[in-house]
Amino acid sequence: MNFDPQNVTLITLYGYFEDAQSQNPRHIQIPVDPQVQGELKAMLAETIARLGLPASAPNMDIFDPAEKYGSEEQLKISLTTPYLQDLAAVVALTNLPSNANALIQVAELDYYYAIFTDNQHRNLYAFRRAGQFKGVTRSKLAWVNGGLLTMVTNHIFRLDIDFDYFVADQDVFILRPSGFEYTTNVGAQILQASAANAQSIAASVNYLDVTGISAYASTHKKSARLLAAIKGRNDLHLIDRNLLVQACQNYGVQIQNANQGQLAPDAGHEHDFLCILDRRAYTANLIPNQPEKYEAASRVQK
Protein backbone atom coordinates (compact mmCIF):
# COMPACT_ATOMS: atom_id res chain seq x y z
CA MET A 1 0.00 0.00 0.00
CA ASN A 2 1.67 3.16 -1.21
CA PHE A 3 0.52 5.38 1.67
CA ASP A 4 1.49 5.98 5.32
CA PRO A 5 -1.71 6.07 7.45
CA GLN A 6 0.36 6.83 10.56
CA ASN A 7 1.49 10.17 9.18
CA VAL A 8 -1.63 11.84 7.77
CA THR A 9 -1.20 15.60 7.43
CA LEU A 10 -4.44 16.61 5.71
CA ILE A 11 -8.01 15.24 5.58
CA THR A 12 -10.79 16.63 3.37
CA LEU A 13 -14.36 15.37 3.02
CA TYR A 14 -16.47 15.31 -0.14
CA GLY A 15 -19.98 14.25 -1.05
CA TYR A 16 -21.46 13.10 -4.34
CA PHE A 17 -25.00 14.46 -4.59
CA GLU A 18 -27.46 13.23 -7.18
CA ASP A 19 -30.87 14.84 -7.51
CA ALA A 20 -33.16 12.50 -9.43
CA GLN A 21 -35.45 15.36 -10.38
CA SER A 22 -32.92 17.89 -11.63
CA GLN A 23 -30.50 15.33 -13.13
CA ASN A 24 -27.65 17.42 -11.75
CA PRO A 25 -25.02 15.18 -10.11
CA ARG A 26 -22.26 17.09 -8.36
CA HIS A 27 -19.19 16.62 -6.17
CA ILE A 28 -18.93 19.08 -3.29
CA GLN A 29 -16.29 19.57 -0.61
CA ILE A 30 -17.77 19.64 2.89
CA PRO A 31 -15.74 21.63 5.45
CA VAL A 32 -15.16 19.68 8.68
CA ASP A 33 -13.64 20.55 12.04
CA PRO A 34 -10.64 18.75 13.62
CA GLN A 35 -12.86 16.41 15.65
CA VAL A 36 -14.60 15.13 12.51
CA GLN A 37 -11.23 14.79 10.81
CA GLY A 38 -10.17 12.61 13.72
CA GLU A 39 -13.25 10.40 13.24
CA LEU A 40 -12.53 10.07 9.53
CA LYS A 41 -8.98 9.00 10.35
CA ALA A 42 -10.39 6.42 12.79
CA MET A 43 -12.68 5.12 10.02
CA LEU A 44 -9.66 4.66 7.76
CA ALA A 45 -7.74 2.84 10.51
CA GLU A 46 -10.70 0.49 11.05
CA THR A 47 -10.94 -0.22 7.31
CA ILE A 48 -7.23 -0.98 7.07
CA ALA A 49 -7.48 -3.30 10.08
CA ARG A 50 -10.47 -5.20 8.65
CA LEU A 51 -8.63 -5.62 5.36
CA GLY A 52 -5.61 -6.98 7.20
CA LEU A 53 -3.32 -4.47 5.52
CA PRO A 54 -0.49 -4.15 4.82
CA ALA A 55 0.36 -7.83 5.47
CA SER A 56 -2.57 -9.18 3.40
CA ALA A 57 -1.88 -7.13 0.26
CA PRO A 58 0.36 -9.63 -1.61
CA ASN A 59 -2.11 -12.50 -1.18
CA MET A 60 -5.40 -10.66 -1.70
CA ASP A 61 -7.77 -12.06 -4.31
CA ILE A 62 -8.40 -9.89 -7.34
CA PHE A 63 -11.97 -8.60 -7.56
CA ASP A 64 -13.88 -10.71 -10.09
CA PRO A 65 -17.02 -9.08 -11.56
CA ALA A 66 -18.64 -12.48 -12.12
CA GLU A 67 -18.04 -13.71 -8.57
CA LYS A 68 -20.63 -13.73 -5.77
CA TYR A 69 -19.16 -12.12 -2.67
CA GLY A 70 -20.17 -11.84 0.95
CA SER A 71 -20.91 -8.60 2.75
CA GLU A 72 -17.24 -8.20 3.72
CA GLU A 73 -14.19 -9.43 1.83
CA GLN A 74 -10.51 -8.68 1.40
CA LEU A 75 -10.10 -7.86 -2.28
CA LYS A 76 -8.06 -5.64 -4.53
CA ILE A 77 -8.11 -4.47 -8.14
CA SER A 78 -6.13 -2.04 -10.26
CA LEU A 79 -7.56 1.42 -10.80
CA THR A 80 -6.54 1.04 -14.46
CA THR A 81 -9.13 -1.73 -15.00
CA PRO A 82 -11.31 -0.57 -17.94
CA TYR A 83 -14.65 -0.81 -16.10
CA LEU A 84 -13.34 1.43 -13.30
CA GLN A 85 -13.15 4.49 -15.52
CA ASP A 86 -15.84 6.29 -13.48
CA LEU A 87 -13.85 5.78 -10.29
CA ALA A 88 -10.64 6.90 -11.98
CA ALA A 89 -12.43 10.05 -13.11
CA VAL A 90 -13.51 10.84 -9.54
CA VAL A 91 -9.98 10.36 -8.24
CA ALA A 92 -8.72 12.76 -10.91
CA LEU A 93 -11.12 15.58 -9.93
CA THR A 94 -9.59 18.84 -8.72
CA ASN A 95 -10.76 22.28 -7.59
CA LEU A 96 -14.17 21.10 -6.41
CA PRO A 97 -16.58 23.67 -4.98
CA SER A 98 -16.97 23.90 -1.21
CA ASN A 99 -20.29 24.33 0.55
CA ALA A 100 -20.68 24.19 4.32
CA ASN A 101 -24.45 23.74 3.91
CA ALA A 102 -24.29 20.92 1.34
CA LEU A 103 -25.52 18.29 3.79
CA ILE A 104 -28.80 20.13 4.27
CA GLN A 105 -29.69 18.15 1.12
CA VAL A 106 -28.53 14.88 2.68
CA ALA A 107 -31.35 12.94 1.00
CA GLU A 108 -29.58 13.61 -2.31
CA LEU A 109 -26.24 12.29 -1.06
CA ASP A 110 -25.28 9.16 -3.01
CA TYR A 111 -21.93 8.54 -1.37
CA TYR A 112 -19.22 10.40 0.51
CA TYR A 113 -15.46 10.13 0.43
CA ALA A 114 -12.45 11.46 2.26
CA ILE A 115 -9.08 12.34 0.78
CA PHE A 116 -6.17 11.68 3.12
CA THR A 117 -2.71 13.15 2.44
CA ASP A 118 0.38 11.78 4.15
CA ASN A 119 3.67 13.49 4.95
CA GLN A 120 5.08 12.47 1.55
CA HIS A 121 2.20 14.24 -0.24
CA ARG A 122 0.59 10.96 -1.33
CA ASN A 123 -3.19 10.78 -1.46
CA LEU A 124 -5.56 8.03 -0.39
CA TYR A 125 -9.26 8.20 -1.39
CA ALA A 126 -11.71 6.38 0.89
CA PHE A 127 -15.37 5.88 -0.14
CA ARG A 128 -18.59 4.99 1.65
CA ARG A 129 -22.05 4.45 0.22
CA ALA A 130 -24.59 6.84 1.75
CA GLY A 131 -27.48 4.41 2.12
CA GLN A 132 -26.43 3.32 5.60
CA PHE A 133 -27.45 6.59 7.27
CA LYS A 134 -30.15 8.06 5.01
CA GLY A 135 -32.73 6.51 7.29
CA VAL A 136 -31.61 8.82 10.06
CA THR A 137 -33.03 11.78 8.14
CA ARG A 138 -36.48 10.17 8.26
CA SER A 139 -36.31 9.25 11.94
CA LYS A 140 -37.49 11.28 14.91
CA LEU A 141 -34.40 11.99 16.98
CA ALA A 142 -34.19 13.31 20.50
CA TRP A 143 -31.42 14.07 22.97
CA VAL A 144 -31.15 14.68 26.70
CA ASN A 145 -30.78 18.42 27.30
CA GLY A 146 -30.40 19.36 30.98
CA GLY A 147 -32.41 16.34 32.09
CA LEU A 148 -35.17 17.02 29.55
CA LEU A 149 -35.67 14.95 26.40
CA THR A 150 -35.63 17.41 23.51
CA MET A 151 -36.29 16.88 19.79
CA VAL A 152 -33.34 17.35 17.46
CA THR A 153 -34.26 19.94 14.85
CA ASN A 154 -30.85 20.43 13.24
CA HIS A 155 -29.73 18.50 10.18
CA ILE A 156 -28.01 15.20 11.06
CA PHE A 157 -25.11 13.47 9.28
CA ARG A 158 -23.95 10.20 10.82
CA LEU A 159 -20.45 8.96 10.06
CA ASP A 160 -19.91 5.21 9.76
CA ILE A 161 -17.23 3.19 11.52
CA ASP A 162 -15.32 2.32 8.34
CA PHE A 163 -15.21 2.80 4.56
CA ASP A 164 -16.40 0.42 1.83
CA TYR A 165 -13.11 0.65 -0.08
CA PHE A 166 -10.22 2.98 -0.73
CA VAL A 167 -7.78 3.89 -3.50
CA ALA A 168 -4.07 4.24 -2.82
CA ASP A 169 -1.97 5.10 -5.87
CA GLN A 170 -3.21 2.65 -8.55
CA ASP A 171 -4.55 0.03 -6.14
CA VAL A 172 -8.16 -0.29 -5.00
CA PHE A 173 -8.65 -2.21 -1.74
CA ILE A 174 -12.21 -3.45 -1.23
CA LEU A 175 -13.86 -4.29 2.10
CA ARG A 176 -17.50 -4.25 0.94
CA PRO A 177 -17.99 -5.36 -2.68
CA SER A 178 -21.63 -4.20 -2.78
CA GLY A 179 -20.70 -0.64 -1.78
CA PHE A 180 -17.80 -0.71 -4.21
CA GLU A 181 -19.98 -1.81 -7.13
CA TYR A 182 -22.71 0.68 -6.31
CA THR A 183 -20.54 3.77 -6.08
CA THR A 184 -18.32 2.90 -9.06
CA ASN A 185 -21.21 1.94 -11.36
CA VAL A 186 -19.41 -1.29 -12.25
CA GLY A 187 -22.48 -3.16 -13.50
CA ALA A 188 -23.55 -0.54 -16.04
CA GLN A 189 -20.01 -0.07 -17.33
CA ILE A 190 -19.53 -3.81 -17.82
CA LEU A 191 -22.84 -4.07 -19.67
CA GLN A 192 -21.86 -1.21 -21.96
CA ALA A 193 -18.49 -2.82 -22.63
CA SER A 194 -19.86 -6.29 -23.41
CA ALA A 195 -19.39 -6.00 -27.19
CA ALA A 196 -15.83 -4.71 -26.86
CA ASN A 197 -15.00 -7.45 -24.33
CA ALA A 198 -16.39 -10.12 -26.66
CA GLN A 199 -14.25 -8.82 -29.53
CA SER A 200 -11.19 -8.80 -27.30
CA ILE A 201 -11.78 -12.45 -26.40
CA ALA A 202 -12.22 -13.34 -30.09
CA ALA A 203 -8.88 -11.70 -30.85
CA SER A 204 -7.21 -14.13 -28.42
CA VAL A 205 -9.33 -17.19 -29.32
CA ASN A 206 -9.38 -16.59 -33.06
CA TYR A 207 -11.60 -19.54 -33.94
CA LEU A 208 -14.57 -18.10 -32.02
CA ASP A 209 -17.50 -16.27 -33.59
CA VAL A 210 -18.71 -13.99 -30.79
CA THR A 211 -21.52 -12.29 -32.72
CA GLY A 212 -24.29 -14.12 -30.86
CA ILE A 213 -22.49 -13.94 -27.52
CA SER A 214 -22.03 -10.18 -27.89
CA ALA A 215 -25.70 -9.60 -28.68
CA TYR A 216 -26.84 -11.84 -25.82
CA ALA A 217 -24.53 -10.29 -23.22
CA SER A 218 -25.61 -6.76 -24.12
CA THR A 219 -28.97 -7.46 -22.43
CA HIS A 220 -27.96 -10.06 -19.83
CA LYS A 221 -25.96 -8.75 -16.88
CA LYS A 222 -24.59 -12.09 -15.67
CA SER A 223 -23.19 -12.93 -19.10
CA ALA A 224 -21.76 -9.42 -19.46
CA ARG A 225 -19.94 -9.93 -16.15
CA LEU A 226 -18.65 -13.29 -17.37
CA LEU A 227 -17.27 -11.62 -20.49
CA ALA A 228 -15.44 -9.08 -18.34
CA ALA A 229 -14.01 -11.86 -16.17
CA ILE A 230 -12.95 -13.95 -19.18
CA LYS A 231 -11.34 -10.94 -20.86
CA GLY A 232 -9.16 -10.56 -17.78
CA ARG A 233 -7.71 -14.08 -18.12
CA ASN A 234 -4.14 -14.36 -19.36
CA ASP A 235 -4.46 -17.85 -20.84
CA LEU A 236 -7.11 -17.36 -23.54
CA HIS A 237 -4.64 -17.84 -26.38
CA LEU A 238 -3.76 -21.28 -24.99
CA ILE A 239 -7.30 -22.70 -25.15
CA ASP A 240 -7.38 -25.73 -27.44
CA ARG A 241 -10.28 -25.89 -29.87
CA ASN A 242 -10.73 -29.67 -29.62
CA LEU A 243 -10.75 -29.59 -25.82
CA LEU A 244 -13.31 -26.75 -25.86
CA VAL A 245 -15.55 -28.67 -28.26
CA GLN A 246 -15.21 -31.80 -26.12
CA ALA A 247 -16.17 -29.88 -22.97
CA CYS A 248 -19.26 -28.42 -24.66
CA GLN A 249 -20.33 -31.88 -25.84
CA ASN A 250 -19.74 -33.42 -22.41
CA TYR A 251 -22.00 -30.88 -20.72
CA GLY A 252 -24.69 -30.58 -23.37
CA VAL A 253 -23.81 -27.06 -24.50
CA GLN A 254 -24.94 -26.89 -28.13
CA ILE A 255 -22.44 -25.34 -30.54
CA GLN A 256 -22.15 -24.55 -34.23
CA ASN A 257 -19.27 -25.62 -36.52
CA ALA A 258 -17.80 -28.15 -34.11
CA ASN A 259 -15.49 -29.65 -36.74
CA GLN A 260 -14.43 -26.63 -38.77
CA GLY A 261 -15.15 -22.96 -39.25
CA GLN A 262 -15.88 -20.37 -36.58
CA LEU A 263 -17.05 -21.95 -33.36
CA ALA A 264 -20.13 -20.42 -31.71
CA PRO A 265 -22.80 -21.46 -29.18
CA ASP A 266 -26.35 -22.06 -30.31
CA ALA A 267 -28.98 -19.54 -29.30
CA GLY A 268 -29.93 -20.14 -25.68
CA HIS A 269 -26.56 -21.68 -24.83
CA GLU A 270 -24.50 -18.49 -24.71
CA HIS A 271 -24.29 -18.24 -20.92
CA ASP A 272 -23.30 -21.89 -20.41
CA PHE A 273 -20.69 -21.55 -23.14
CA LEU A 274 -19.17 -18.60 -21.28
CA CYS A 275 -19.24 -20.61 -18.04
CA ILE A 276 -17.10 -23.25 -19.75
CA LEU A 277 -14.67 -20.65 -21.09
CA ASP A 278 -14.24 -19.29 -17.57
CA ARG A 279 -14.35 -22.79 -15.97
CA ARG A 280 -16.94 -21.32 -13.62
CA ALA A 281 -19.73 -23.89 -13.41
CA TYR A 282 -18.09 -26.88 -15.08
CA THR A 283 -14.94 -28.94 -14.60
CA ALA A 284 -13.20 -28.46 -17.94
CA ASN A 285 -9.56 -28.73 -18.99
CA LEU A 286 -9.19 -26.48 -22.02
CA ILE A 287 -5.40 -26.10 -22.18
CA PRO A 288 -3.32 -29.14 -23.23
CA ASN A 289 -1.05 -30.63 -20.54
CA GLN A 290 -1.96 -27.95 -18.01
CA PRO A 291 -4.06 -28.72 -14.93
CA GLU A 292 -6.72 -26.09 -14.37
CA LYS A 293 -6.57 -23.87 -11.30
CA TYR A 294 -9.91 -22.87 -9.83
CA GLU A 295 -9.58 -19.79 -7.66
CA ALA A 296 -13.05 -18.22 -7.58
CA ALA A 297 -15.30 -19.62 -4.88
CA SER A 298 -18.21 -20.04 -7.27
CA ARG A 299 -16.29 -22.26 -9.68
CA VAL A 300 -17.79 -25.60 -8.78
CA GLN A 301 -18.76 -28.65 -10.76
CA LYS A 302 -22.27 -28.39 -12.21
Foldseek 3Di string as FASTA:
>chain_A
DQADLVFWDDKWKKFWFADPVVRDTFIATADDDPVVVVQQSQQAVVACVLLVPDVCVVPAAADALLFDDDQWGWYKYFCPQVLQVQVVVVVPDDDGHYDNCVCVVVVRTQKMWMWTAGPVRWIKIFIAGSPVCSVVQVDFDWDQDVNDTGTDPDRDDDDDSYGQWMDGDGMITGTGVVRVCRVSVSQVSLLVCQLVLLVLLCVLVVLADCPLLSVVSNPPSSSSSLSSNLSPDPCSNQFDLLQLLVQCVVVVFAWPPSPDGRIYTDPPRSSVSSCVSVLQADLGDGGPPDHDDDDRPRNDHD
